[in-house]
Amino acid sequence: MSKDQGQIVLHHLLQNAFQHGTTRVDIGFDADSNSLIVSENGTGISQRNSSRIADPFFTTRRDQGGTGLGLSIVAAVLKQAGAVIEVTASKQGASFRIRF
């Protein structure tokens, strides 16, 4: 993944997190699975919506100006780089695993 692709991914993930009330973001690397883990303490993602995060124009914030493009852009950039994003279980907020 290029530096520019990484910046796009992190920008959209962080922007989305802060729009959902996040006050803390943790980023780590899991060497065993060659994955980047991004976790935050915002309002989280319901299990019902977790399978739709990459759907263009899917948003739970339309009334607040959400376009539903941020996470679909993340998924597209990652696909271009040969990686994927998935929602993982989280006790608080949302957690994503980016597999390379």
Protein backbone atom coordinates (compact mmCIF):
# COMPACT_ATOMS: atom_id res chain seq x y z
CA MET A 1 0.00 0.00 0.00
CA SER A 2 1.35 3.41 -0.89
CA LYS A 3 1.70 6.27 1.57
CA ASP A 4 -1.13 8.14 -0.21
CA GLN A 5 -3.44 5.13 -0.02
CA GLY A 6 -2.65 4.73 3.68
CA GLN A 7 -3.43 8.39 4.33
CA ILE A 8 -6.77 8.11 2.51
CA VAL A 9 -7.73 5.02 4.51
CA LEU A 10 -6.76 6.50 7.88
CA HIS A 11 -8.35 9.87 7.06
CA HIS A 12 -11.73 8.31 6.29
CA LEU A 13 -11.62 5.88 9.21
CA LEU A 14 -10.76 8.65 11.67
CA GLN A 15 -13.24 11.12 10.19
CA ASN A 16 -15.99 8.51 10.43
CA ALA A 17 -15.00 7.65 14.01
CA PHE A 18 -15.08 11.26 15.19
CA GLN A 19 -18.45 11.82 13.51
CA HIS A 20 -19.75 8.98 15.69
CA GLY A 21 -18.59 10.43 19.01
CA THR A 22 -15.15 8.90 19.29
CA THR A 23 -12.78 10.36 21.86
CA ARG A 24 -10.09 7.67 21.59
CA VAL A 25 -8.62 5.69 18.69
CA ASP A 26 -6.17 2.81 19.06
CA ILE A 27 -4.16 1.53 16.10
CA GLY A 28 -2.09 -1.64 16.31
CA PHE A 29 -0.55 -4.30 14.12
CA ASP A 30 -1.19 -8.02 14.50
CA ALA A 31 1.86 -9.72 13.02
CA ASP A 32 0.31 -13.19 13.25
CA SER A 33 -2.47 -12.25 10.81
CA ASN A 34 -0.60 -9.45 9.00
CA SER A 35 -3.42 -7.07 9.95
CA LEU A 36 -3.82 -3.50 11.07
CA ILE A 37 -6.37 -3.14 13.88
CA VAL A 38 -8.18 0.19 14.29
CA SER A 39 -10.45 0.46 17.34
CA GLU A 40 -12.37 3.43 18.68
CA ASN A 41 -14.79 4.22 21.49
CA GLY A 42 -17.61 5.93 19.58
CA THR A 43 -21.20 4.78 19.16
CA GLY A 44 -20.14 1.63 17.32
CA ILE A 45 -21.73 -0.34 14.50
CA SER A 46 -24.72 -2.60 15.00
CA GLN A 47 -24.31 -6.22 13.94
CA ARG A 48 -27.09 -5.68 11.39
CA ASN A 49 -25.19 -2.78 9.78
CA SER A 50 -21.70 -4.28 9.98
CA SER A 51 -22.09 -6.19 6.73
CA ARG A 52 -23.05 -2.98 4.90
CA ILE A 53 -20.15 -0.70 5.86
CA ALA A 54 -18.66 -0.78 2.35
CA ASP A 55 -21.97 -0.24 0.52
CA PRO A 56 -21.78 3.11 -1.29
CA PHE A 57 -24.26 5.64 0.10
CA PHE A 58 -25.21 3.50 3.11
CA THR A 59 -25.32 5.77 6.14
CA THR A 60 -27.03 5.96 9.50
CA ARG A 61 -26.33 9.70 9.62
CA ARG A 62 -28.15 11.05 6.55
CA ASP A 63 -30.07 13.57 8.71
CA GLN A 64 -26.71 14.86 10.01
CA GLY A 65 -25.10 15.23 6.60
CA GLY A 66 -23.60 11.75 6.24
CA THR A 67 -23.08 10.66 2.64
CA GLY A 68 -22.26 7.00 3.15
CA LEU A 69 -19.09 7.27 1.09
CA GLY A 70 -16.28 7.24 3.68
CA LEU A 71 -16.07 3.51 4.40
CA SER A 72 -16.87 2.57 0.81
CA ILE A 73 -13.87 4.68 -0.26
CA VAL A 74 -11.76 2.91 2.37
CA ALA A 75 -12.86 -0.50 1.05
CA ALA A 76 -12.17 0.51 -2.57
CA VAL A 77 -8.69 1.87 -1.80
CA LEU A 78 -7.84 -1.25 0.19
CA LYS A 79 -9.09 -3.52 -2.59
CA GLN A 80 -6.86 -1.64 -5.02
CA ALA A 81 -3.93 -2.34 -2.68
CA GLY A 82 -4.84 -6.04 -2.30
CA ALA A 83 -6.25 -5.65 1.21
CA VAL A 84 -9.69 -5.94 2.81
CA ILE A 85 -11.46 -4.35 5.78
CA GLU A 86 -13.84 -6.07 8.15
CA VAL A 87 -15.71 -5.13 11.28
CA THR A 88 -14.59 -7.12 14.32
CA ALA A 89 -16.29 -7.64 17.66
CA SER A 90 -15.88 -4.76 20.09
CA LYS A 91 -17.14 -4.26 23.63
CA GLN A 92 -17.31 -0.51 23.06
CA GLY A 93 -17.26 1.54 19.86
CA ALA A 94 -16.15 0.00 16.59
CA SER A 95 -13.18 -2.12 15.66
CA PHE A 96 -11.85 -2.83 12.18
CA ARG A 97 -9.31 -5.32 10.92
CA ILE A 98 -7.46 -4.48 7.73
CA ARG A 99 -5.90 -7.64 6.27
CA PHE A 100 -2.99 -7.30 3.88
